[in-house]
Amino acid sequence: GVRVYVDGALLIDKWINQSSTTYTA
């Protein structure tokens, strides 16, 4: 799982069990 925030705003939200995966935003 991953969550990425910029200035407190959620940009990437993939809080799941998964194999190695790439996300962009």
PDBML (XML) file of the C-alpha atoms, coordinates in Angstrom:
<?xml version="1.0" encoding="UTF-8" ?>
<PDBx:datablock datablockName="MODEL"
   xmlns:PDBx="http://pdbml.pdb.org/schema/pdbx-v50.xsd"
   xmlns:xsi="http://www.w3.org/2001/XMLSchema-instance"
   xsi:schemaLocation="http://pdbml.pdb.org/schema/pdbx-v50.xsd pdbx-v50.xsd">
   <PDBx:atom_siteCategory>
      <PDBx:atom_site id="1">
         <PDBx:B_iso_or_equiv>0.00</PDBx:B_iso_or_equiv>
         <PDBx:Cartn_x>0.000</PDBx:Cartn_x>
         <PDBx:Cartn_y>0.000</PDBx:Cartn_y>
         <PDBx:Cartn_z>0.000</PDBx:Cartn_z>
         <PDBx:auth_asym_id>A</PDBx:auth_asym_id>
         <PDBx:auth_atom_id>CA</PDBx:auth_atom_id>
         <PDBx:auth_comp_id>GLY</PDBx:auth_comp_id>
         <PDBx:auth_seq_id>1</PDBx:auth_seq_id>
         <PDBx:group_PDB>ATOM</PDBx:group_PDB>
         <PDBx:label_alt_id xsi:nil="true" />
         <PDBx:label_asym_id>A</PDBx:label_asym_id>
         <PDBx:label_atom_id>CA</PDBx:label_atom_id>
         <PDBx:label_comp_id>GLY</PDBx:label_comp_id>
         <PDBx:label_entity_id>1</PDBx:label_entity_id>
         <PDBx:label_seq_id>1</PDBx:label_seq_id>
         <PDBx:occupancy>1.00</PDBx:occupancy>
         <PDBx:pdbx_PDB_model_num>1</PDBx:pdbx_PDB_model_num>
         <PDBx:type_symbol>C</PDBx:type_symbol>
      </PDBx:atom_site>
      <PDBx:atom_site id="2">
         <PDBx:B_iso_or_equiv>0.00</PDBx:B_iso_or_equiv>
         <PDBx:Cartn_x>0.859</PDBx:Cartn_x>
         <PDBx:Cartn_y>3.613</PDBx:Cartn_y>
         <PDBx:Cartn_z>-0.717</PDBx:Cartn_z>
         <PDBx:auth_asym_id>A</PDBx:auth_asym_id>
         <PDBx:auth_atom_id>CA</PDBx:auth_atom_id>
         <PDBx:auth_comp_id>VAL</PDBx:auth_comp_id>
         <PDBx:auth_seq_id>2</PDBx:auth_seq_id>
         <PDBx:group_PDB>ATOM</PDBx:group_PDB>
         <PDBx:label_alt_id xsi:nil="true" />
         <PDBx:label_asym_id>A</PDBx:label_asym_id>
         <PDBx:label_atom_id>CA</PDBx:label_atom_id>
         <PDBx:label_comp_id>VAL</PDBx:label_comp_id>
         <PDBx:label_entity_id>1</PDBx:label_entity_id>
         <PDBx:label_seq_id>2</PDBx:label_seq_id>
         <PDBx:occupancy>1.00</PDBx:occupancy>
         <PDBx:pdbx_PDB_model_num>1</PDBx:pdbx_PDB_model_num>
         <PDBx:type_symbol>C</PDBx:type_symbol>
      </PDBx:atom_site>
      <PDBx:atom_site id="3">
         <PDBx:B_iso_or_equiv>0.00</PDBx:B_iso_or_equiv>
         <PDBx:Cartn_x>-0.580</PDBx:Cartn_x>
         <PDBx:Cartn_y>7.085</PDBx:Cartn_y>
         <PDBx:Cartn_z>-0.279</PDBx:Cartn_z>
         <PDBx:auth_asym_id>A</PDBx:auth_asym_id>
         <PDBx:auth_atom_id>CA</PDBx:auth_atom_id>
         <PDBx:auth_comp_id>ARG</PDBx:auth_comp_id>
         <PDBx:auth_seq_id>3</PDBx:auth_seq_id>
         <PDBx:group_PDB>ATOM</PDBx:group_PDB>
         <PDBx:label_alt_id xsi:nil="true" />
         <PDBx:label_asym_id>A</PDBx:label_asym_id>
         <PDBx:label_atom_id>CA</PDBx:label_atom_id>
         <PDBx:label_comp_id>ARG</PDBx:label_comp_id>
         <PDBx:label_entity_id>1</PDBx:label_entity_id>
         <PDBx:label_seq_id>3</PDBx:label_seq_id>
         <PDBx:occupancy>1.00</PDBx:occupancy>
         <PDBx:pdbx_PDB_model_num>1</PDBx:pdbx_PDB_model_num>
         <PDBx:type_symbol>C</PDBx:type_symbol>
      </PDBx:atom_site>
      <PDBx:atom_site id="4">
         <PDBx:B_iso_or_equiv>0.00</PDBx:B_iso_or_equiv>
         <PDBx:Cartn_x>1.153</PDBx:Cartn_x>
         <PDBx:Cartn_y>10.189</PDBx:Cartn_y>
         <PDBx:Cartn_z>-1.633</PDBx:Cartn_z>
         <PDBx:auth_asym_id>A</PDBx:auth_asym_id>
         <PDBx:auth_atom_id>CA</PDBx:auth_atom_id>
         <PDBx:auth_comp_id>VAL</PDBx:auth_comp_id>
         <PDBx:auth_seq_id>4</PDBx:auth_seq_id>
         <PDBx:group_PDB>ATOM</PDBx:group_PDB>
         <PDBx:label_alt_id xsi:nil="true" />
         <PDBx:label_asym_id>A</PDBx:label_asym_id>
         <PDBx:label_atom_id>CA</PDBx:label_atom_id>
         <PDBx:label_comp_id>VAL</PDBx:label_comp_id>
         <PDBx:label_entity_id>1</PDBx:label_entity_id>
         <PDBx:label_seq_id>4</PDBx:label_seq_id>
         <PDBx:occupancy>1.00</PDBx:occupancy>
         <PDBx:pdbx_PDB_model_num>1</PDBx:pdbx_PDB_model_num>
         <PDBx:type_symbol>C</PDBx:type_symbol>
      </PDBx:atom_site>
      <PDBx:atom_site id="5">
         <PDBx:B_iso_or_equiv>0.00</PDBx:B_iso_or_equiv>
         <PDBx:Cartn_x>0.151</PDBx:Cartn_x>
         <PDBx:Cartn_y>13.679</PDBx:Cartn_y>
         <PDBx:Cartn_z>-0.521</PDBx:Cartn_z>
         <PDBx:auth_asym_id>A</PDBx:auth_asym_id>
         <PDBx:auth_atom_id>CA</PDBx:auth_atom_id>
         <PDBx:auth_comp_id>TYR</PDBx:auth_comp_id>
         <PDBx:auth_seq_id>5</PDBx:auth_seq_id>
         <PDBx:group_PDB>ATOM</PDBx:group_PDB>
         <PDBx:label_alt_id xsi:nil="true" />
         <PDBx:label_asym_id>A</PDBx:label_asym_id>
         <PDBx:label_atom_id>CA</PDBx:label_atom_id>
         <PDBx:label_comp_id>TYR</PDBx:label_comp_id>
         <PDBx:label_entity_id>1</PDBx:label_entity_id>
         <PDBx:label_seq_id>5</PDBx:label_seq_id>
         <PDBx:occupancy>1.00</PDBx:occupancy>
         <PDBx:pdbx_PDB_model_num>1</PDBx:pdbx_PDB_model_num>
         <PDBx:type_symbol>C</PDBx:type_symbol>
      </PDBx:atom_site>
      <PDBx:atom_site id="6">
         <PDBx:B_iso_or_equiv>0.00</PDBx:B_iso_or_equiv>
         <PDBx:Cartn_x>1.305</PDBx:Cartn_x>
         <PDBx:Cartn_y>17.059</PDBx:Cartn_y>
         <PDBx:Cartn_z>-1.788</PDBx:Cartn_z>
         <PDBx:auth_asym_id>A</PDBx:auth_asym_id>
         <PDBx:auth_atom_id>CA</PDBx:auth_atom_id>
         <PDBx:auth_comp_id>VAL</PDBx:auth_comp_id>
         <PDBx:auth_seq_id>6</PDBx:auth_seq_id>
         <PDBx:group_PDB>ATOM</PDBx:group_PDB>
         <PDBx:label_alt_id xsi:nil="true" />
         <PDBx:label_asym_id>A</PDBx:label_asym_id>
         <PDBx:label_atom_id>CA</PDBx:label_atom_id>
         <PDBx:label_comp_id>VAL</PDBx:label_comp_id>
         <PDBx:label_entity_id>1</PDBx:label_entity_id>
         <PDBx:label_seq_id>6</PDBx:label_seq_id>
         <PDBx:occupancy>1.00</PDBx:occupancy>
         <PDBx:pdbx_PDB_model_num>1</PDBx:pdbx_PDB_model_num>
         <PDBx:type_symbol>C</PDBx:type_symbol>
      </PDBx:atom_site>
      <PDBx:atom_site id="7">
         <PDBx:B_iso_or_equiv>0.00</PDBx:B_iso_or_equiv>
         <PDBx:Cartn_x>0.541</PDBx:Cartn_x>
         <PDBx:Cartn_y>19.979</PDBx:Cartn_y>
         <PDBx:Cartn_z>0.537</PDBx:Cartn_z>
         <PDBx:auth_asym_id>A</PDBx:auth_asym_id>
         <PDBx:auth_atom_id>CA</PDBx:auth_atom_id>
         <PDBx:auth_comp_id>ASP</PDBx:auth_comp_id>
         <PDBx:auth_seq_id>7</PDBx:auth_seq_id>
         <PDBx:group_PDB>ATOM</PDBx:group_PDB>
         <PDBx:label_alt_id xsi:nil="true" />
         <PDBx:label_asym_id>A</PDBx:label_asym_id>
         <PDBx:label_atom_id>CA</PDBx:label_atom_id>
         <PDBx:label_comp_id>ASP</PDBx:label_comp_id>
         <PDBx:label_entity_id>1</PDBx:label_entity_id>
         <PDBx:label_seq_id>7</PDBx:label_seq_id>
         <PDBx:occupancy>1.00</PDBx:occupancy>
         <PDBx:pdbx_PDB_model_num>1</PDBx:pdbx_PDB_model_num>
         <PDBx:type_symbol>C</PDBx:type_symbol>
      </PDBx:atom_site>
      <PDBx:atom_site id="8">
         <PDBx:B_iso_or_equiv>0.00</PDBx:B_iso_or_equiv>
         <PDBx:Cartn_x>-1.933</PDBx:Cartn_x>
         <PDBx:Cartn_y>17.741</PDBx:Cartn_y>
         <PDBx:Cartn_z>2.376</PDBx:Cartn_z>
         <PDBx:auth_asym_id>A</PDBx:auth_asym_id>
         <PDBx:auth_atom_id>CA</PDBx:auth_atom_id>
         <PDBx:auth_comp_id>GLY</PDBx:auth_comp_id>
         <PDBx:auth_seq_id>8</PDBx:auth_seq_id>
         <PDBx:group_PDB>ATOM</PDBx:group_PDB>
         <PDBx:label_alt_id xsi:nil="true" />
         <PDBx:label_asym_id>A</PDBx:label_asym_id>
         <PDBx:label_atom_id>CA</PDBx:label_atom_id>
         <PDBx:label_comp_id>GLY</PDBx:label_comp_id>
         <PDBx:label_entity_id>1</PDBx:label_entity_id>
         <PDBx:label_seq_id>8</PDBx:label_seq_id>
         <PDBx:occupancy>1.00</PDBx:occupancy>
         <PDBx:pdbx_PDB_model_num>1</PDBx:pdbx_PDB_model_num>
         <PDBx:type_symbol>C</PDBx:type_symbol>
      </PDBx:atom_site>
      <PDBx:atom_site id="9">
         <PDBx:B_iso_or_equiv>0.00</PDBx:B_iso_or_equiv>
         <PDBx:Cartn_x>-3.910</PDBx:Cartn_x>
         <PDBx:Cartn_y>16.848</PDBx:Cartn_y>
         <PDBx:Cartn_z>-0.766</PDBx:Cartn_z>
         <PDBx:auth_asym_id>A</PDBx:auth_asym_id>
         <PDBx:auth_atom_id>CA</PDBx:auth_atom_id>
         <PDBx:auth_comp_id>ALA</PDBx:auth_comp_id>
         <PDBx:auth_seq_id>9</PDBx:auth_seq_id>
         <PDBx:group_PDB>ATOM</PDBx:group_PDB>
         <PDBx:label_alt_id xsi:nil="true" />
         <PDBx:label_asym_id>A</PDBx:label_asym_id>
         <PDBx:label_atom_id>CA</PDBx:label_atom_id>
         <PDBx:label_comp_id>ALA</PDBx:label_comp_id>
         <PDBx:label_entity_id>1</PDBx:label_entity_id>
         <PDBx:label_seq_id>9</PDBx:label_seq_id>
         <PDBx:occupancy>1.00</PDBx:occupancy>
         <PDBx:pdbx_PDB_model_num>1</PDBx:pdbx_PDB_model_num>
         <PDBx:type_symbol>C</PDBx:type_symbol>
      </PDBx:atom_site>
      <PDBx:atom_site id="10">
         <PDBx:B_iso_or_equiv>0.00</PDBx:B_iso_or_equiv>
         <PDBx:Cartn_x>-4.123</PDBx:Cartn_x>
         <PDBx:Cartn_y>13.128</PDBx:Cartn_y>
         <PDBx:Cartn_z>-1.560</PDBx:Cartn_z>
         <PDBx:auth_asym_id>A</PDBx:auth_asym_id>
         <PDBx:auth_atom_id>CA</PDBx:auth_atom_id>
         <PDBx:auth_comp_id>LEU</PDBx:auth_comp_id>
         <PDBx:auth_seq_id>10</PDBx:auth_seq_id>
         <PDBx:group_PDB>ATOM</PDBx:group_PDB>
         <PDBx:label_alt_id xsi:nil="true" />
         <PDBx:label_asym_id>A</PDBx:label_asym_id>
         <PDBx:label_atom_id>CA</PDBx:label_atom_id>
         <PDBx:label_comp_id>LEU</PDBx:label_comp_id>
         <PDBx:label_entity_id>1</PDBx:label_entity_id>
         <PDBx:label_seq_id>10</PDBx:label_seq_id>
         <PDBx:occupancy>1.00</PDBx:occupancy>
         <PDBx:pdbx_PDB_model_num>1</PDBx:pdbx_PDB_model_num>
         <PDBx:type_symbol>C</PDBx:type_symbol>
      </PDBx:atom_site>
      <PDBx:atom_site id="11">
         <PDBx:B_iso_or_equiv>0.00</PDBx:B_iso_or_equiv>
         <PDBx:Cartn_x>-2.537</PDBx:Cartn_x>
         <PDBx:Cartn_y>12.540</PDBx:Cartn_y>
         <PDBx:Cartn_z>-4.969</PDBx:Cartn_z>
         <PDBx:auth_asym_id>A</PDBx:auth_asym_id>
         <PDBx:auth_atom_id>CA</PDBx:auth_atom_id>
         <PDBx:auth_comp_id>LEU</PDBx:auth_comp_id>
         <PDBx:auth_seq_id>11</PDBx:auth_seq_id>
         <PDBx:group_PDB>ATOM</PDBx:group_PDB>
         <PDBx:label_alt_id xsi:nil="true" />
         <PDBx:label_asym_id>A</PDBx:label_asym_id>
         <PDBx:label_atom_id>CA</PDBx:label_atom_id>
         <PDBx:label_comp_id>LEU</PDBx:label_comp_id>
         <PDBx:label_entity_id>1</PDBx:label_entity_id>
         <PDBx:label_seq_id>11</PDBx:label_seq_id>
         <PDBx:occupancy>1.00</PDBx:occupancy>
         <PDBx:pdbx_PDB_model_num>1</PDBx:pdbx_PDB_model_num>
         <PDBx:type_symbol>C</PDBx:type_symbol>
      </PDBx:atom_site>
      <PDBx:atom_site id="12">
         <PDBx:B_iso_or_equiv>0.00</PDBx:B_iso_or_equiv>
         <PDBx:Cartn_x>-2.082</PDBx:Cartn_x>
         <PDBx:Cartn_y>8.736</PDBx:Cartn_y>
         <PDBx:Cartn_z>-5.132</PDBx:Cartn_z>
         <PDBx:auth_asym_id>A</PDBx:auth_asym_id>
         <PDBx:auth_atom_id>CA</PDBx:auth_atom_id>
         <PDBx:auth_comp_id>ILE</PDBx:auth_comp_id>
         <PDBx:auth_seq_id>12</PDBx:auth_seq_id>
         <PDBx:group_PDB>ATOM</PDBx:group_PDB>
         <PDBx:label_alt_id xsi:nil="true" />
         <PDBx:label_asym_id>A</PDBx:label_asym_id>
         <PDBx:label_atom_id>CA</PDBx:label_atom_id>
         <PDBx:label_comp_id>ILE</PDBx:label_comp_id>
         <PDBx:label_entity_id>1</PDBx:label_entity_id>
         <PDBx:label_seq_id>12</PDBx:label_seq_id>
         <PDBx:occupancy>1.00</PDBx:occupancy>
         <PDBx:pdbx_PDB_model_num>1</PDBx:pdbx_PDB_model_num>
         <PDBx:type_symbol>C</PDBx:type_symbol>
      </PDBx:atom_site>
      <PDBx:atom_site id="13">
         <PDBx:B_iso_or_equiv>0.00</PDBx:B_iso_or_equiv>
         <PDBx:Cartn_x>-4.241</PDBx:Cartn_x>
         <PDBx:Cartn_y>6.372</PDBx:Cartn_y>
         <PDBx:Cartn_z>-3.061</PDBx:Cartn_z>
         <PDBx:auth_asym_id>A</PDBx:auth_asym_id>
         <PDBx:auth_atom_id>CA</PDBx:auth_atom_id>
         <PDBx:auth_comp_id>ASP</PDBx:auth_comp_id>
         <PDBx:auth_seq_id>13</PDBx:auth_seq_id>
         <PDBx:group_PDB>ATOM</PDBx:group_PDB>
         <PDBx:label_alt_id xsi:nil="true" />
         <PDBx:label_asym_id>A</PDBx:label_asym_id>
         <PDBx:label_atom_id>CA</PDBx:label_atom_id>
         <PDBx:label_comp_id>ASP</PDBx:label_comp_id>
         <PDBx:label_entity_id>1</PDBx:label_entity_id>
         <PDBx:label_seq_id>13</PDBx:label_seq_id>
         <PDBx:occupancy>1.00</PDBx:occupancy>
         <PDBx:pdbx_PDB_model_num>1</PDBx:pdbx_PDB_model_num>
         <PDBx:type_symbol>C</PDBx:type_symbol>
      </PDBx:atom_site>
      <PDBx:atom_site id="14">
         <PDBx:B_iso_or_equiv>0.00</PDBx:B_iso_or_equiv>
         <PDBx:Cartn_x>-3.508</PDBx:Cartn_x>
         <PDBx:Cartn_y>2.655</PDBx:Cartn_y>
         <PDBx:Cartn_z>-3.540</PDBx:Cartn_z>
         <PDBx:auth_asym_id>A</PDBx:auth_asym_id>
         <PDBx:auth_atom_id>CA</PDBx:auth_atom_id>
         <PDBx:auth_comp_id>LYS</PDBx:auth_comp_id>
         <PDBx:auth_seq_id>14</PDBx:auth_seq_id>
         <PDBx:group_PDB>ATOM</PDBx:group_PDB>
         <PDBx:label_alt_id xsi:nil="true" />
         <PDBx:label_asym_id>A</PDBx:label_asym_id>
         <PDBx:label_atom_id>CA</PDBx:label_atom_id>
         <PDBx:label_comp_id>LYS</PDBx:label_comp_id>
         <PDBx:label_entity_id>1</PDBx:label_entity_id>
         <PDBx:label_seq_id>14</PDBx:label_seq_id>
         <PDBx:occupancy>1.00</PDBx:occupancy>
         <PDBx:pdbx_PDB_model_num>1</PDBx:pdbx_PDB_model_num>
         <PDBx:type_symbol>C</PDBx:type_symbol>
      </PDBx:atom_site>
      <PDBx:atom_site id="15">
         <PDBx:B_iso_or_equiv>0.00</PDBx:B_iso_or_equiv>
         <PDBx:Cartn_x>-3.787</PDBx:Cartn_x>
         <PDBx:Cartn_y>1.324</PDBx:Cartn_y>
         <PDBx:Cartn_z>0.029</PDBx:Cartn_z>
         <PDBx:auth_asym_id>A</PDBx:auth_asym_id>
         <PDBx:auth_atom_id>CA</PDBx:auth_atom_id>
         <PDBx:auth_comp_id>TRP</PDBx:auth_comp_id>
         <PDBx:auth_seq_id>15</PDBx:auth_seq_id>
         <PDBx:group_PDB>ATOM</PDBx:group_PDB>
         <PDBx:label_alt_id xsi:nil="true" />
         <PDBx:label_asym_id>A</PDBx:label_asym_id>
         <PDBx:label_atom_id>CA</PDBx:label_atom_id>
         <PDBx:label_comp_id>TRP</PDBx:label_comp_id>
         <PDBx:label_entity_id>1</PDBx:label_entity_id>
         <PDBx:label_seq_id>15</PDBx:label_seq_id>
         <PDBx:occupancy>1.00</PDBx:occupancy>
         <PDBx:pdbx_PDB_model_num>1</PDBx:pdbx_PDB_model_num>
         <PDBx:type_symbol>C</PDBx:type_symbol>
      </PDBx:atom_site>
      <PDBx:atom_site id="16">
         <PDBx:B_iso_or_equiv>0.00</PDBx:B_iso_or_equiv>
         <PDBx:Cartn_x>-4.057</PDBx:Cartn_x>
         <PDBx:Cartn_y>-2.320</PDBx:Cartn_y>
         <PDBx:Cartn_z>-1.093</PDBx:Cartn_z>
         <PDBx:auth_asym_id>A</PDBx:auth_asym_id>
         <PDBx:auth_atom_id>CA</PDBx:auth_atom_id>
         <PDBx:auth_comp_id>ILE</PDBx:auth_comp_id>
         <PDBx:auth_seq_id>16</PDBx:auth_seq_id>
         <PDBx:group_PDB>ATOM</PDBx:group_PDB>
         <PDBx:label_alt_id xsi:nil="true" />
         <PDBx:label_asym_id>A</PDBx:label_asym_id>
         <PDBx:label_atom_id>CA</PDBx:label_atom_id>
         <PDBx:label_comp_id>ILE</PDBx:label_comp_id>
         <PDBx:label_entity_id>1</PDBx:label_entity_id>
         <PDBx:label_seq_id>16</PDBx:label_seq_id>
         <PDBx:occupancy>1.00</PDBx:occupancy>
         <PDBx:pdbx_PDB_model_num>1</PDBx:pdbx_PDB_model_num>
         <PDBx:type_symbol>C</PDBx:type_symbol>
      </PDBx:atom_site>
      <PDBx:atom_site id="17">
         <PDBx:B_iso_or_equiv>0.00</PDBx:B_iso_or_equiv>
         <PDBx:Cartn_x>-2.068</PDBx:Cartn_x>
         <PDBx:Cartn_y>-5.556</PDBx:Cartn_y>
         <PDBx:Cartn_z>-1.028</PDBx:Cartn_z>
         <PDBx:auth_asym_id>A</PDBx:auth_asym_id>
         <PDBx:auth_atom_id>CA</PDBx:auth_atom_id>
         <PDBx:auth_comp_id>ASN</PDBx:auth_comp_id>
         <PDBx:auth_seq_id>17</PDBx:auth_seq_id>
         <PDBx:group_PDB>ATOM</PDBx:group_PDB>
         <PDBx:label_alt_id xsi:nil="true" />
         <PDBx:label_asym_id>A</PDBx:label_asym_id>
         <PDBx:label_atom_id>CA</PDBx:label_atom_id>
         <PDBx:label_comp_id>ASN</PDBx:label_comp_id>
         <PDBx:label_entity_id>1</PDBx:label_entity_id>
         <PDBx:label_seq_id>17</PDBx:label_seq_id>
         <PDBx:occupancy>1.00</PDBx:occupancy>
         <PDBx:pdbx_PDB_model_num>1</PDBx:pdbx_PDB_model_num>
         <PDBx:type_symbol>C</PDBx:type_symbol>
      </PDBx:atom_site>
      <PDBx:atom_site id="18">
         <PDBx:B_iso_or_equiv>0.00</PDBx:B_iso_or_equiv>
         <PDBx:Cartn_x>-0.348</PDBx:Cartn_x>
         <PDBx:Cartn_y>-5.881</PDBx:Cartn_y>
         <PDBx:Cartn_z>-4.399</PDBx:Cartn_z>
         <PDBx:auth_asym_id>A</PDBx:auth_asym_id>
         <PDBx:auth_atom_id>CA</PDBx:auth_atom_id>
         <PDBx:auth_comp_id>GLN</PDBx:auth_comp_id>
         <PDBx:auth_seq_id>18</PDBx:auth_seq_id>
         <PDBx:group_PDB>ATOM</PDBx:group_PDB>
         <PDBx:label_alt_id xsi:nil="true" />
         <PDBx:label_asym_id>A</PDBx:label_asym_id>
         <PDBx:label_atom_id>CA</PDBx:label_atom_id>
         <PDBx:label_comp_id>GLN</PDBx:label_comp_id>
         <PDBx:label_entity_id>1</PDBx:label_entity_id>
         <PDBx:label_seq_id>18</PDBx:label_seq_id>
         <PDBx:occupancy>1.00</PDBx:occupancy>
         <PDBx:pdbx_PDB_model_num>1</PDBx:pdbx_PDB_model_num>
         <PDBx:type_symbol>C</PDBx:type_symbol>
      </PDBx:atom_site>
      <PDBx:atom_site id="19">
         <PDBx:B_iso_or_equiv>0.00</PDBx:B_iso_or_equiv>
         <PDBx:Cartn_x>2.808</PDBx:Cartn_x>
         <PDBx:Cartn_y>-6.999</PDBx:Cartn_y>
         <PDBx:Cartn_z>-6.109</PDBx:Cartn_z>
         <PDBx:auth_asym_id>A</PDBx:auth_asym_id>
         <PDBx:auth_atom_id>CA</PDBx:auth_atom_id>
         <PDBx:auth_comp_id>SER</PDBx:auth_comp_id>
         <PDBx:auth_seq_id>19</PDBx:auth_seq_id>
         <PDBx:group_PDB>ATOM</PDBx:group_PDB>
         <PDBx:label_alt_id xsi:nil="true" />
         <PDBx:label_asym_id>A</PDBx:label_asym_id>
         <PDBx:label_atom_id>CA</PDBx:label_atom_id>
         <PDBx:label_comp_id>SER</PDBx:label_comp_id>
         <PDBx:label_entity_id>1</PDBx:label_entity_id>
         <PDBx:label_seq_id>19</PDBx:label_seq_id>
         <PDBx:occupancy>1.00</PDBx:occupancy>
         <PDBx:pdbx_PDB_model_num>1</PDBx:pdbx_PDB_model_num>
         <PDBx:type_symbol>C</PDBx:type_symbol>
      </PDBx:atom_site>
      <PDBx:atom_site id="20">
         <PDBx:B_iso_or_equiv>0.00</PDBx:B_iso_or_equiv>
         <PDBx:Cartn_x>5.291</PDBx:Cartn_x>
         <PDBx:Cartn_y>-4.323</PDBx:Cartn_y>
         <PDBx:Cartn_z>-7.193</PDBx:Cartn_z>
         <PDBx:auth_asym_id>A</PDBx:auth_asym_id>
         <PDBx:auth_atom_id>CA</PDBx:auth_atom_id>
         <PDBx:auth_comp_id>SER</PDBx:auth_comp_id>
         <PDBx:auth_seq_id>20</PDBx:auth_seq_id>
         <PDBx:group_PDB>ATOM</PDBx:group_PDB>
         <PDBx:label_alt_id xsi:nil="true" />
         <PDBx:label_asym_id>A</PDBx:label_asym_id>
         <PDBx:label_atom_id>CA</PDBx:label_atom_id>
         <PDBx:label_comp_id>SER</PDBx:label_comp_id>
         <PDBx:label_entity_id>1</PDBx:label_entity_id>
         <PDBx:label_seq_id>20</PDBx:label_seq_id>
         <PDBx:occupancy>1.00</PDBx:occupancy>
         <PDBx:pdbx_PDB_model_num>1</PDBx:pdbx_PDB_model_num>
         <PDBx:type_symbol>C</PDBx:type_symbol>
      </PDBx:atom_site>
      <PDBx:atom_site id="21">
         <PDBx:B_iso_or_equiv>0.00</PDBx:B_iso_or_equiv>
         <PDBx:Cartn_x>3.268</PDBx:Cartn_x>
         <PDBx:Cartn_y>-1.754</PDBx:Cartn_y>
         <PDBx:Cartn_z>-9.163</PDBx:Cartn_z>
         <PDBx:auth_asym_id>A</PDBx:auth_asym_id>
         <PDBx:auth_atom_id>CA</PDBx:auth_atom_id>
         <PDBx:auth_comp_id>THR</PDBx:auth_comp_id>
         <PDBx:auth_seq_id>21</PDBx:auth_seq_id>
         <PDBx:group_PDB>ATOM</PDBx:group_PDB>
         <PDBx:label_alt_id xsi:nil="true" />
         <PDBx:label_asym_id>A</PDBx:label_asym_id>
         <PDBx:label_atom_id>CA</PDBx:label_atom_id>
         <PDBx:label_comp_id>THR</PDBx:label_comp_id>
         <PDBx:label_entity_id>1</PDBx:label_entity_id>
         <PDBx:label_seq_id>21</PDBx:label_seq_id>
         <PDBx:occupancy>1.00</PDBx:occupancy>
         <PDBx:pdbx_PDB_model_num>1</PDBx:pdbx_PDB_model_num>
         <PDBx:type_symbol>C</PDBx:type_symbol>
      </PDBx:atom_site>
      <PDBx:atom_site id="22">
         <PDBx:B_iso_or_equiv>0.00</PDBx:B_iso_or_equiv>
         <PDBx:Cartn_x>4.023</PDBx:Cartn_x>
         <PDBx:Cartn_y>1.732</PDBx:Cartn_y>
         <PDBx:Cartn_z>-10.494</PDBx:Cartn_z>
         <PDBx:auth_asym_id>A</PDBx:auth_asym_id>
         <PDBx:auth_atom_id>CA</PDBx:auth_atom_id>
         <PDBx:auth_comp_id>THR</PDBx:auth_comp_id>
         <PDBx:auth_seq_id>22</PDBx:auth_seq_id>
         <PDBx:group_PDB>ATOM</PDBx:group_PDB>
         <PDBx:label_alt_id xsi:nil="true" />
         <PDBx:label_asym_id>A</PDBx:label_asym_id>
         <PDBx:label_atom_id>CA</PDBx:label_atom_id>
         <PDBx:label_comp_id>THR</PDBx:label_comp_id>
         <PDBx:label_entity_id>1</PDBx:label_entity_id>
         <PDBx:label_seq_id>22</PDBx:label_seq_id>
         <PDBx:occupancy>1.00</PDBx:occupancy>
         <PDBx:pdbx_PDB_model_num>1</PDBx:pdbx_PDB_model_num>
         <PDBx:type_symbol>C</PDBx:type_symbol>
      </PDBx:atom_site>
      <PDBx:atom_site id="23">
         <PDBx:B_iso_or_equiv>0.00</PDBx:B_iso_or_equiv>
         <PDBx:Cartn_x>1.574</PDBx:Cartn_x>
         <PDBx:Cartn_y>4.641</PDBx:Cartn_y>
         <PDBx:Cartn_z>-10.318</PDBx:Cartn_z>
         <PDBx:auth_asym_id>A</PDBx:auth_asym_id>
         <PDBx:auth_atom_id>CA</PDBx:auth_atom_id>
         <PDBx:auth_comp_id>TYR</PDBx:auth_comp_id>
         <PDBx:auth_seq_id>23</PDBx:auth_seq_id>
         <PDBx:group_PDB>ATOM</PDBx:group_PDB>
         <PDBx:label_alt_id xsi:nil="true" />
         <PDBx:label_asym_id>A</PDBx:label_asym_id>
         <PDBx:label_atom_id>CA</PDBx:label_atom_id>
         <PDBx:label_comp_id>TYR</PDBx:label_comp_id>
         <PDBx:label_entity_id>1</PDBx:label_entity_id>
         <PDBx:label_seq_id>23</PDBx:label_seq_id>
         <PDBx:occupancy>1.00</PDBx:occupancy>
         <PDBx:pdbx_PDB_model_num>1</PDBx:pdbx_PDB_model_num>
         <PDBx:type_symbol>C</PDBx:type_symbol>
      </PDBx:atom_site>
      <PDBx:atom_site id="24">
         <PDBx:B_iso_or_equiv>0.00</PDBx:B_iso_or_equiv>
         <PDBx:Cartn_x>1.833</PDBx:Cartn_x>
         <PDBx:Cartn_y>8.193</PDBx:Cartn_y>
         <PDBx:Cartn_z>-11.624</PDBx:Cartn_z>
         <PDBx:auth_asym_id>A</PDBx:auth_asym_id>
         <PDBx:auth_atom_id>CA</PDBx:auth_atom_id>
         <PDBx:auth_comp_id>THR</PDBx:auth_comp_id>
         <PDBx:auth_seq_id>24</PDBx:auth_seq_id>
         <PDBx:group_PDB>ATOM</PDBx:group_PDB>
         <PDBx:label_alt_id xsi:nil="true" />
         <PDBx:label_asym_id>A</PDBx:label_asym_id>
         <PDBx:label_atom_id>CA</PDBx:label_atom_id>
         <PDBx:label_comp_id>THR</PDBx:label_comp_id>
         <PDBx:label_entity_id>1</PDBx:label_entity_id>
         <PDBx:label_seq_id>24</PDBx:label_seq_id>
         <PDBx:occupancy>1.00</PDBx:occupancy>
         <PDBx:pdbx_PDB_model_num>1</PDBx:pdbx_PDB_model_num>
         <PDBx:type_symbol>C</PDBx:type_symbol>
      </PDBx:atom_site>
      <PDBx:atom_site id="25">
         <PDBx:B_iso_or_equiv>0.00</PDBx:B_iso_or_equiv>
         <PDBx:Cartn_x>-0.124</PDBx:Cartn_x>
         <PDBx:Cartn_y>11.380</PDBx:Cartn_y>
         <PDBx:Cartn_z>-11.042</PDBx:Cartn_z>
         <PDBx:auth_asym_id>A</PDBx:auth_asym_id>
         <PDBx:auth_atom_id>CA</PDBx:auth_atom_id>
         <PDBx:auth_comp_id>ALA</PDBx:auth_comp_id>
         <PDBx:auth_seq_id>25</PDBx:auth_seq_id>
         <PDBx:group_PDB>ATOM</PDBx:group_PDB>
         <PDBx:label_alt_id xsi:nil="true" />
         <PDBx:label_asym_id>A</PDBx:label_asym_id>
         <PDBx:label_atom_id>CA</PDBx:label_atom_id>
         <PDBx:label_comp_id>ALA</PDBx:label_comp_id>
         <PDBx:label_entity_id>1</PDBx:label_entity_id>
         <PDBx:label_seq_id>25</PDBx:label_seq_id>
         <PDBx:occupancy>1.00</PDBx:occupancy>
         <PDBx:pdbx_PDB_model_num>1</PDBx:pdbx_PDB_model_num>
         <PDBx:type_symbol>C</PDBx:type_symbol>
      </PDBx:atom_site>
   </PDBx:atom_siteCategory>
</PDBx:datablock>
